[in-house]
């Protein structure tokens, strides 16, 4: 392949085709920004202006200057990566508007559905509470904000065509990208379409077959058998991960018995930092 052909292929893989997204995915609205402070914050702004009947709305950015995550975490966005936030009304997908801990895991399964076919030979799975790992490193993170009226802002940050060479040292040590795992560039519009399609399918599955999904949480959990320490408020616990329950709880076998955690922070040495 000539240099010009390589350049054309790279340009196609990097470009976000808003027309394809709007026409093929059932989205009510798509916003694309080369640079944005935070797709999550922009989706919050849109929610204040757009009624629930005009859902879902997708916000996509190539780069973020203030991408945010759980708590005080920040999401690093390198050139060629993907930052997206989907403003949705869960009622439209057959669910109630109340927050529930398993929804981040359901979103992570949708991401796994979209990326696993692009990563033959690599193990892709869940890291509780809301990360997707591939080949032992963090590939994507999920954040769900529930608005006062019950609508959700679902944020996903994913390393696609970016290199981690220029990432902060802590990110370099724990993250990877599709490009680094495959040596090939991936069409980001194709991946976006796949993610949005799988998100709807997985959330509808949650509405209709939650037990089926619950079994998959456990099967996809890559932390089973690992020694974990979790801090939840003023409490902490250490033990062996026994998987993820159907309701999204992390299960840890401790000297005092099996404990369930619906929220908390895993020790940094054992848990990749940063959310979208």
C-alpha atoms as a PDB file:
ATOM      1  CA  UNK A   1       0.000   0.000   0.000  1.00  0.00           C
ATOM      2  CA  UNK A   2       1.356   3.453  -0.927  1.00  0.00           C
ATOM      3  CA  UNK A   3       1.885   6.278   1.565  1.00  0.00           C
ATOM      4  CA  UNK A   4      -1.069   8.134   0.029  1.00  0.00           C
ATOM      5  CA  UNK A   5      -3.282   5.087   0.471  1.00  0.00           C
ATOM      6  CA  UNK A   6      -2.139   4.717   4.081  1.00  0.00           C
ATOM      7  CA  UNK A   7      -2.960   8.395   4.665  1.00  0.00           C
ATOM      8  CA  UNK A   8      -6.406   8.027   3.098  1.00  0.00           C
ATOM      9  CA  UNK A   9      -7.139   4.936   5.205  1.00  0.00           C
ATOM     10  CA  UNK A  10      -6.053   6.746   8.377  1.00  0.00           C
ATOM     11  CA  UNK A  11      -8.243   9.743   7.518  1.00  0.00           C
ATOM     12  CA  UNK A  12     -11.293   7.529   6.956  1.00  0.00           C
ATOM     13  CA  UNK A  13     -10.790   5.702  10.238  1.00  0.00           C
ATOM     14  CA  UNK A  14     -10.391   8.937  12.197  1.00  0.00           C
ATOM     15  CA  UNK A  15     -13.311  10.868  10.675  1.00  0.00           C
ATOM     16  CA  UNK A  16     -16.638  10.819  12.521  1.00  0.00           C
ATOM     17  CA  UNK A  17     -19.432  10.593   9.946  1.00  0.00           C
ATOM     18  CA  UNK A  18     -22.317  12.442  11.598  1.00  0.00           C
ATOM     19  CA  UNK A  19     -24.611  11.683   8.656  1.00  0.00           C
ATOM     20  CA  UNK A  20     -24.136   7.933   9.044  1.00  0.00           C
ATOM     21  CA  UNK A  21     -24.688   8.153  12.782  1.00  0.00           C
ATOM     22  CA  UNK A  22     -27.871  10.197  12.416  1.00  0.00           C
ATOM     23  CA  UNK A  23     -29.302   8.071   9.625  1.00  0.00           C
ATOM     24  CA  UNK A  24     -28.511   4.559  10.808  1.00  0.00           C
ATOM     25  CA  UNK A  25     -28.727   4.485  14.571  1.00  0.00           C
ATOM     26  CA  UNK A  26     -32.135   5.903  15.494  1.00  0.00           C
ATOM     27  CA  UNK A  27     -30.584   8.818  17.362  1.00  0.00           C
ATOM     28  CA  UNK A  28     -32.689  11.952  17.664  1.00  0.00           C
ATOM     29  CA  UNK A  29     -29.637  14.211  17.513  1.00  0.00           C
ATOM     30  CA  UNK A  30     -25.870  13.919  17.111  1.00  0.00           C
ATOM     31  CA  UNK A  31     -23.290  16.511  18.112  1.00  0.00           C
ATOM     32  CA  UNK A  32     -19.665  16.151  17.063  1.00  0.00           C
ATOM     33  CA  UNK A  33     -16.886  18.338  18.476  1.00  0.00           C
ATOM     34  CA  UNK A  34     -13.192  18.176  17.564  1.00  0.00           C
ATOM     35  CA  UNK A  35     -12.483  19.565  21.058  1.00  0.00           C
ATOM     36  CA  UNK A  36     -14.767  19.867  24.063  1.00  0.00           C
ATOM     37  CA  UNK A  37     -14.305  20.337  27.773  1.00  0.00           C
ATOM     38  CA  UNK A  38     -16.422  17.270  28.549  1.00  0.00           C
ATOM     39  CA  UNK A  39     -19.003  15.307  26.554  1.00  0.00           C
ATOM     40  CA  UNK A  40     -20.692  14.464  29.839  1.00  0.00           C
ATOM     41  CA  UNK A  41     -21.060  18.131  30.804  1.00  0.00           C
ATOM     42  CA  UNK A  42     -22.298  19.029  27.315  1.00  0.00           C
ATOM     43  CA  UNK A  43     -24.960  16.309  27.533  1.00  0.00           C
ATOM     44  CA  UNK A  44     -26.090  17.803  30.857  1.00  0.00           C
ATOM     45  CA  UNK A  45     -26.455  21.182  29.127  1.00  0.00           C
ATOM     46  CA  UNK A  46     -28.523  19.622  26.335  1.00  0.00           C
ATOM     47  CA  UNK A  47     -30.751  17.888  28.879  1.00  0.00           C
ATOM     48  CA  UNK A  48     -31.745  21.273  30.273  1.00  0.00           C
ATOM     49  CA  UNK A  49     -32.959  22.316  26.803  1.00  0.00           C
ATOM     50  CA  UNK A  50     -34.353  19.153  25.219  1.00  0.00           C
ATOM     51  CA  UNK A  51     -37.530  17.327  26.303  1.00  0.00           C
ATOM     52  CA  UNK A  52     -37.441  13.597  27.003  1.00  0.00           C
ATOM     53  CA  UNK A  53     -39.411  12.830  23.838  1.00  0.00           C
ATOM     54  CA  UNK A  54     -36.411  13.964  21.754  1.00  0.00           C
ATOM     55  CA  UNK A  55     -34.091  11.198  22.991  1.00  0.00           C
ATOM     56  CA  UNK A  56     -31.508   9.809  22.656  1.00  0.00           C
ATOM     57  CA  UNK A  57     -28.900  12.483  21.944  1.00  0.00           C
ATOM     58  CA  UNK A  58     -25.275  11.554  21.240  1.00  0.00           C
ATOM     59  CA  UNK A  59     -22.355  13.885  21.972  1.00  0.00           C
ATOM     60  CA  UNK A  60     -18.959  12.876  20.549  1.00  0.00           C
ATOM     61  CA  UNK A  61     -15.569  14.566  20.886  1.00  0.00           C
ATOM     62  CA  UNK A  62     -12.091  13.806  19.577  1.00  0.00           C
ATOM     63  CA  UNK A  63     -10.436  15.500  22.552  1.00  0.00           C
ATOM     64  CA  UNK A  64     -11.551  16.678  25.993  1.00  0.00           C
ATOM     65  CA  UNK A  65      -9.844  19.252  28.174  1.00  0.00           C
ATOM     66  CA  UNK A  66     -11.786  18.281  31.306  1.00  0.00           C
ATOM     67  CA  UNK A  67     -13.133  14.785  30.748  1.00  0.00           C
ATOM     68  CA  UNK A  68     -14.545  13.555  34.010  1.00  0.00           C
ATOM     69  CA  UNK A  69     -15.105  10.288  35.778  1.00  0.00           C
ATOM     70  CA  UNK A  70     -16.244   8.796  39.057  1.00  0.00           C
ATOM     71  CA  UNK A  71     -15.494  11.058  42.001  1.00  0.00           C
ATOM     72  CA  UNK A  72     -12.465  13.253  41.326  1.00  0.00           C
ATOM     73  CA  UNK A  73     -11.078  11.064  38.523  1.00  0.00           C
ATOM     74  CA  UNK A  74     -10.306  12.509  35.110  1.00  0.00           C
ATOM     75  CA  UNK A  75     -10.325  10.771  31.753  1.00  0.00           C
ATOM     76  CA  UNK A  76      -7.282  11.247  29.507  1.00  0.00           C
ATOM     77  CA  UNK A  77      -8.275  11.565  25.818  1.00  0.00           C
ATOM     78  CA  UNK A  78      -5.451  10.985  23.327  1.00  0.00           C
ATOM     79  CA  UNK A  79      -5.581  11.707  19.597  1.00  0.00           C
ATOM     80  CA  UNK A  80      -7.543   8.905  17.922  1.00  0.00           C
ATOM     81  CA  UNK A  81      -9.434   7.882  21.046  1.00  0.00           C
ATOM     82  CA  UNK A  82     -13.159   8.296  21.548  1.00  0.00           C
ATOM     83  CA  UNK A  83     -15.208  10.220  24.087  1.00  0.00           C
ATOM     84  CA  UNK A  84     -18.984   9.961  23.893  1.00  0.00           C
ATOM     85  CA  UNK A  85     -21.993  10.678  26.065  1.00  0.00           C
ATOM     86  CA  UNK A  86     -25.497   9.458  25.335  1.00  0.00           C
ATOM     87  CA  UNK A  87     -28.420  11.371  26.820  1.00  0.00           C
ATOM     88  CA  UNK A  88     -31.310   8.931  27.045  1.00  0.00           C
ATOM     89  CA  UNK A  89     -34.592   8.233  28.748  1.00  0.00           C
ATOM     90  CA  UNK A  90     -34.412   4.636  30.044  1.00  0.00           C
ATOM     91  CA  UNK A  91     -38.194   4.363  29.717  1.00  0.00           C
ATOM     92  CA  UNK A  92     -37.631   4.323  25.955  1.00  0.00           C
ATOM     93  CA  UNK A  93     -35.638   1.106  26.398  1.00  0.00           C
ATOM     94  CA  UNK A  94     -38.140  -0.537  28.726  1.00  0.00           C
ATOM     95  CA  UNK A  95     -36.544   0.457  32.048  1.00  0.00           C
ATOM     96  CA  UNK A  96     -37.526   2.659  34.957  1.00  0.00           C
ATOM     97  CA  UNK A  97     -35.792   5.944  35.655  1.00  0.00           C
ATOM     98  CA  UNK A  98     -34.342   4.999  39.034  1.00  0.00           C
ATOM     99  CA  UNK A  99     -30.598   4.515  39.256  1.00  0.00           C
ATOM    100  CA  UNK A 100     -29.326   0.971  39.698  1.00  0.00           C
ATOM    101  CA  UNK A 101     -25.719  -0.239  40.061  1.00  0.00           C
ATOM    102  CA  UNK A 102     -25.897  -2.863  37.337  1.00  0.00           C
ATOM    103  CA  UNK A 103     -26.534  -0.350  34.547  1.00  0.00           C
ATOM    104  CA  UNK A 104     -22.860   0.622  34.254  1.00  0.00           C
ATOM    105  CA  UNK A 105     -22.017  -3.064  33.924  1.00  0.00           C
ATOM    106  CA  UNK A 106     -24.676  -3.486  31.239  1.00  0.00           C
ATOM    107  CA  UNK A 107     -23.095  -0.604  29.317  1.00  0.00           C
ATOM    108  CA  UNK A 108     -19.694  -2.269  29.705  1.00  0.00           C
ATOM    109  CA  UNK A 109     -21.116  -5.478  28.208  1.00  0.00           C
ATOM    110  CA  UNK A 110     -22.345  -3.468  25.222  1.00  0.00           C
ATOM    111  CA  UNK A 111     -18.830  -2.118  24.709  1.00  0.00           C
ATOM    112  CA  UNK A 112     -17.414  -5.647  24.951  1.00  0.00           C
ATOM    113  CA  UNK A 113     -19.943  -6.786  22.323  1.00  0.00           C
ATOM    114  CA  UNK A 114     -18.687  -4.065  19.980  1.00  0.00           C
ATOM    115  CA  UNK A 115     -14.929  -4.446  20.492  1.00  0.00           C
ATOM    116  CA  UNK A 116     -14.393  -8.183  21.088  1.00  0.00           C
ATOM    117  CA  UNK A 117     -14.839  -9.102  17.384  1.00  0.00           C
ATOM    118  CA  UNK A 118     -12.089  -6.578  16.627  1.00  0.00           C
ATOM    119  CA  UNK A 119      -9.715  -8.228  19.112  1.00  0.00           C
ATOM    120  CA  UNK A 120      -9.353 -11.868  18.102  1.00  0.00           C
ATOM    121  CA  UNK A 121      -7.020 -13.766  20.386  1.00  0.00           C
ATOM    122  CA  UNK A 122      -7.365 -11.273  23.255  1.00  0.00           C
ATOM    123  CA  UNK A 123      -9.352 -11.712  26.447  1.00  0.00           C
ATOM    124  CA  UNK A 124     -11.870  -8.875  26.839  1.00  0.00           C
ATOM    125  CA  UNK A 125     -13.954  -8.532  29.983  1.00  0.00           C
ATOM    126  CA  UNK A 126     -15.275  -6.545  32.935  1.00  0.00           C
ATOM    127  CA  UNK A 127     -13.492  -4.881  35.797  1.00  0.00           C
ATOM    128  CA  UNK A 128     -15.975  -3.845  38.479  1.00  0.00           C
ATOM    129  CA  UNK A 129     -17.527  -1.312  38.754  1.00  0.00           C
ATOM    130  CA  UNK A 130     -17.505   0.008  35.186  1.00  0.00           C
ATOM    131  CA  UNK A 131     -14.363  -0.685  33.163  1.00  0.00           C
ATOM    132  CA  UNK A 132     -13.607  -2.801  30.111  1.00  0.00           C
ATOM    133  CA  UNK A 133     -10.208  -4.496  30.067  1.00  0.00           C
ATOM    134  CA  UNK A 134      -8.419  -6.195  27.176  1.00  0.00           C
ATOM    135  CA  UNK A 135      -5.183  -8.159  27.414  1.00  0.00           C
ATOM    136  CA  UNK A 136      -4.931  -7.221  31.104  1.00  0.00           C
ATOM    137  CA  UNK A 137      -5.140  -3.462  30.540  1.00  0.00           C
ATOM    138  CA  UNK A 138      -7.881  -0.858  30.591  1.00  0.00           C
ATOM    139  CA  UNK A 139      -9.482  -0.227  27.217  1.00  0.00           C
ATOM    140  CA  UNK A 140     -12.625   1.722  28.158  1.00  0.00           C
ATOM    141  CA  UNK A 141     -14.469   3.251  31.096  1.00  0.00           C
ATOM    142  CA  UNK A 142     -18.133   4.020  31.684  1.00  0.00           C
ATOM    143  CA  UNK A 143     -19.855   6.688  33.758  1.00  0.00           C
ATOM    144  CA  UNK A 144     -23.615   7.078  34.235  1.00  0.00           C
ATOM    145  CA  UNK A 145     -25.132  10.246  35.682  1.00  0.00           C
ATOM    146  CA  UNK A 146     -28.811  10.124  36.620  1.00  0.00           C
ATOM    147  CA  UNK A 147     -30.542  13.484  36.234  1.00  0.00           C
ATOM    148  CA  UNK A 148     -33.198  14.753  38.669  1.00  0.00           C
ATOM    149  CA  UNK A 149     -35.960  13.798  36.217  1.00  0.00           C
ATOM    150  CA  UNK A 150     -34.545  10.261  35.864  1.00  0.00           C
ATOM    151  CA  UNK A 151     -32.982  10.615  32.435  1.00  0.00           C
ATOM    152  CA  UNK A 152     -29.491   9.145  32.134  1.00  0.00           C
ATOM    153  CA  UNK A 153     -26.271  10.566  30.743  1.00  0.00           C
ATOM    154  CA  UNK A 154     -24.158   7.570  29.788  1.00  0.00           C
ATOM    155  CA  UNK A 155     -20.511   8.427  29.144  1.00  0.00           C
ATOM    156  CA  UNK A 156     -17.987   6.127  27.499  1.00  0.00           C
ATOM    157  CA  UNK A 157     -14.296   6.810  27.006  1.00  0.00           C
ATOM    158  CA  UNK A 158     -12.392   4.352  24.820  1.00  0.00           C
ATOM    159  CA  UNK A 159      -8.853   4.048  23.503  1.00  0.00           C
ATOM    160  CA  UNK A 160      -9.182   3.216  19.811  1.00  0.00           C
ATOM    161  CA  UNK A 161      -6.571   4.547  17.366  1.00  0.00           C
ATOM    162  CA  UNK A 162      -4.456   6.374  19.910  1.00  0.00           C
ATOM    163  CA  UNK A 163      -1.021   5.461  21.176  1.00  0.00           C
ATOM    164  CA  UNK A 164      -0.411   5.543  24.908  1.00  0.00           C
ATOM    165  CA  UNK A 165       3.143   6.818  24.350  1.00  0.00           C
ATOM    166  CA  UNK A 166       2.151  10.386  25.226  1.00  0.00           C
ATOM    167  CA  UNK A 167      -0.256   9.521  28.036  1.00  0.00           C
ATOM    168  CA  UNK A 168       0.509  10.317  31.691  1.00  0.00           C
ATOM    169  CA  UNK A 169       2.765   7.645  33.247  1.00  0.00           C
ATOM    170  CA  UNK A 170      -0.004   6.116  35.371  1.00  0.00           C
ATOM    171  CA  UNK A 171      -2.211   5.730  32.287  1.00  0.00           C
ATOM    172  CA  UNK A 172       0.648   4.228  30.258  1.00  0.00           C
ATOM    173  CA  UNK A 173       1.173   1.632  32.977  1.00  0.00           C
ATOM    174  CA  UNK A 174      -2.440   0.414  32.999  1.00  0.00           C
ATOM    175  CA  UNK A 175      -4.148   1.210  29.703  1.00  0.00           C
ATOM    176  CA  UNK A 176      -4.122  -0.025  26.117  1.00  0.00           C
ATOM    177  CA  UNK A 177      -5.865   0.772  22.828  1.00  0.00           C
ATOM    178  CA  UNK A 178      -7.318  -1.162  19.905  1.00  0.00           C
ATOM    179  CA  UNK A 179      -4.468   0.151  17.748  1.00  0.00           C
ATOM    180  CA  UNK A 180      -1.794  -1.022  20.155  1.00  0.00           C
ATOM    181  CA  UNK A 181      -3.376  -4.469  20.461  1.00  0.00           C
ATOM    182  CA  UNK A 182      -3.978  -5.044  16.737  1.00  0.00           C
ATOM    183  CA  UNK A 183      -1.499  -2.799  14.913  1.00  0.00           C
ATOM    184  CA  UNK A 184      -4.401  -1.560  12.774  1.00  0.00           C
ATOM    185  CA  UNK A 185      -6.602   1.511  12.729  1.00  0.00           C
ATOM    186  CA  UNK A 186     -10.311   1.079  13.302  1.00  0.00           C
ATOM    187  CA  UNK A 187     -13.190   3.065  11.816  1.00  0.00           C
ATOM    188  CA  UNK A 188     -14.508   5.087  14.746  1.00  0.00           C
ATOM    189  CA  UNK A 189     -17.908   5.684  13.130  1.00  0.00           C
ATOM    190  CA  UNK A 190     -18.384   1.938  12.668  1.00  0.00           C
ATOM    191  CA  UNK A 191     -17.470   1.406  16.302  1.00  0.00           C
ATOM    192  CA  UNK A 192     -19.832   4.141  17.494  1.00  0.00           C
ATOM    193  CA  UNK A 193     -22.692   2.614  15.536  1.00  0.00           C
ATOM    194  CA  UNK A 194     -21.951  -0.798  17.010  1.00  0.00           C
ATOM    195  CA  UNK A 195     -21.813   0.571  20.556  1.00  0.00           C
ATOM    196  CA  UNK A 196     -25.091   2.503  20.272  1.00  0.00           C
ATOM    197  CA  UNK A 197     -26.820  -0.530  18.754  1.00  0.00           C
ATOM    198  CA  UNK A 198     -25.526  -2.852  21.465  1.00  0.00           C
ATOM    199  CA  UNK A 199     -26.381  -0.390  24.240  1.00  0.00           C
ATOM    200  CA  UNK A 200     -30.040  -0.450  23.265  1.00  0.00           C
ATOM    201  CA  UNK A 201     -30.025  -4.243  22.863  1.00  0.00           C
ATOM    202  CA  UNK A 202     -28.346  -4.797  26.232  1.00  0.00           C
ATOM    203  CA  UNK A 203     -30.604  -2.376  28.130  1.00  0.00           C
ATOM    204  CA  UNK A 204     -33.674  -4.005  26.618  1.00  0.00           C
ATOM    205  CA  UNK A 205     -32.215  -7.336  27.732  1.00  0.00           C
ATOM    206  CA  UNK A 206     -31.888  -5.928  31.244  1.00  0.00           C
ATOM    207  CA  UNK A 207     -35.568  -5.002  31.144  1.00  0.00           C
ATOM    208  CA  UNK A 208     -36.642  -8.449  29.943  1.00  0.00           C
ATOM    209  CA  UNK A 209     -34.041 -10.977  31.130  1.00  0.00           C
ATOM    210  CA  UNK A 210     -32.098  -9.576  34.104  1.00  0.00           C
ATOM    211  CA  UNK A 211     -31.083 -13.025  35.403  1.00  0.00           C
ATOM    212  CA  UNK A 212     -29.476 -13.867  32.082  1.00  0.00           C
ATOM    213  CA  UNK A 213     -27.433 -10.668  32.251  1.00  0.00           C
ATOM    214  CA  UNK A 214     -26.535 -11.326  35.869  1.00  0.00           C
ATOM    215  CA  UNK A 215     -24.894 -14.612  34.921  1.00  0.00           C
ATOM    216  CA  UNK A 216     -22.915 -12.798  32.248  1.00  0.00           C
ATOM    217  CA  UNK A 217     -21.621 -10.236  34.752  1.00  0.00           C
ATOM    218  CA  UNK A 218     -20.002 -13.078  36.643  1.00  0.00           C
ATOM    219  CA  UNK A 219     -18.743 -14.892  33.538  1.00  0.00           C
ATOM    220  CA  UNK A 220     -17.152 -11.722  32.147  1.00  0.00           C
ATOM    221  CA  UNK A 221     -15.576 -10.574  35.422  1.00  0.00           C
ATOM    222  CA  UNK A 222     -11.786 -10.665  35.055  1.00  0.00           C
ATOM    223  CA  UNK A 223     -11.185 -10.061  38.759  1.00  0.00           C
ATOM    224  CA  UNK A 224     -12.458 -13.439  39.976  1.00  0.00           C
ATOM    225  CA  UNK A 225      -9.830 -15.032  42.190  1.00  0.00           C
ATOM    226  CA  UNK A 226      -7.841 -11.804  42.578  1.00  0.00           C
ATOM    227  CA  UNK A 227      -6.954 -10.320  45.943  1.00  0.00           C
ATOM    228  CA  UNK A 228      -8.841  -6.995  46.255  1.00  0.00           C
ATOM    229  CA  UNK A 229      -9.105  -4.199  48.788  1.00  0.00           C
ATOM    230  CA  UNK A 230     -12.134  -1.938  48.574  1.00  0.00           C
ATOM    231  CA  UNK A 231     -12.910   1.249  50.451  1.00  0.00           C
ATOM    232  CA  UNK A 232     -16.524   2.349  50.839  1.00  0.00           C
ATOM    233  CA  UNK A 233     -16.823   5.500  52.921  1.00  0.00           C
ATOM    234  CA  UNK A 234     -15.088   4.890  56.241  1.00  0.00           C
ATOM    235  CA  UNK A 235     -15.191   1.115  55.770  1.00  0.00           C
ATOM    236  CA  UNK A 236     -12.691  -1.113  53.983  1.00  0.00           C
ATOM    237  CA  UNK A 237     -12.412  -4.810  53.271  1.00  0.00           C
ATOM    238  CA  UNK A 238      -9.821  -7.114  51.768  1.00  0.00           C
ATOM    239  CA  UNK A 239     -10.276 -10.567  50.368  1.00  0.00           C
ATOM    240  CA  UNK A 240     -10.619 -12.693  47.266  1.00  0.00           C
ATOM    241  CA  UNK A 241     -12.967 -11.574  44.523  1.00  0.00           C
ATOM    242  CA  UNK A 242     -15.819 -14.061  44.088  1.00  0.00           C
ATOM    243  CA  UNK A 243     -17.277 -12.284  41.072  1.00  0.00           C
ATOM    244  CA  UNK A 244     -20.179  -9.949  40.417  1.00  0.00           C
ATOM    245  CA  UNK A 245     -23.757 -10.607  41.533  1.00  0.00           C
ATOM    246  CA  UNK A 246     -26.769 -10.270  39.264  1.00  0.00           C
ATOM    247  CA  UNK A 247     -27.690  -6.958  40.896  1.00  0.00           C
ATOM    248  CA  UNK A 248     -24.235  -5.485  40.205  1.00  0.00           C
ATOM    249  CA  UNK A 249     -22.678  -6.043  43.626  1.00  0.00           C
ATOM    250  CA  UNK A 250     -18.995  -6.920  43.886  1.00  0.00           C
ATOM    251  CA  UNK A 251     -18.567 -10.117  45.921  1.00  0.00           C
ATOM    252  CA  UNK A 252     -15.512 -10.450  48.160  1.00  0.00           C
ATOM    253  CA  UNK A 253     -14.680 -13.432  50.341  1.00  0.00           C
ATOM    254  CA  UNK A 254     -13.193 -12.083  53.567  1.00  0.00           C
ATOM    255  CA  UNK A 255     -12.190 -13.745  56.862  1.00  0.00           C
ATOM    256  CA  UNK A 256     -15.578 -12.592  58.184  1.00  0.00           C
ATOM    257  CA  UNK A 257     -17.459 -14.167  55.276  1.00  0.00           C
ATOM    258  CA  UNK A 258     -18.667 -13.082  51.865  1.00  0.00           C
ATOM    259  CA  UNK A 259     -19.403  -9.359  51.593  1.00  0.00           C
ATOM    260  CA  UNK A 260     -21.310  -7.435  48.918  1.00  0.00           C
ATOM    261  CA  UNK A 261     -20.378  -3.954  47.742  1.00  0.00           C
ATOM    262  CA  UNK A 262     -22.570  -1.795  45.533  1.00  0.00           C
ATOM    263  CA  UNK A 263     -20.152   1.128  45.491  1.00  0.00           C
ATOM    264  CA  UNK A 264     -16.635   1.857  46.580  1.00  0.00           C
ATOM    265  CA  UNK A 265     -13.114   2.428  45.371  1.00  0.00           C
ATOM    266  CA  UNK A 266     -10.655  -0.376  44.767  1.00  0.00           C
ATOM    267  CA  UNK A 267      -7.050   0.133  45.793  1.00  0.00           C
ATOM    268  CA  UNK A 268      -5.185   2.027  43.019  1.00  0.00           C
ATOM    269  CA  UNK A 269      -2.552  -0.692  42.703  1.00  0.00           C
ATOM    270  CA  UNK A 270      -5.241  -3.152  41.726  1.00  0.00           C
ATOM    271  CA  UNK A 271      -7.696  -0.989  39.817  1.00  0.00           C
ATOM    272  CA  UNK A 272      -7.102   1.134  36.727  1.00  0.00           C
ATOM    273  CA  UNK A 273      -7.700   4.877  37.274  1.00  0.00           C
ATOM    274  CA  UNK A 274      -9.727   7.306  35.247  1.00  0.00           C
ATOM    275  CA  UNK A 275     -13.297   7.298  33.860  1.00  0.00           C
ATOM    276  CA  UNK A 276     -14.741   9.171  30.942  1.00  0.00           C
END
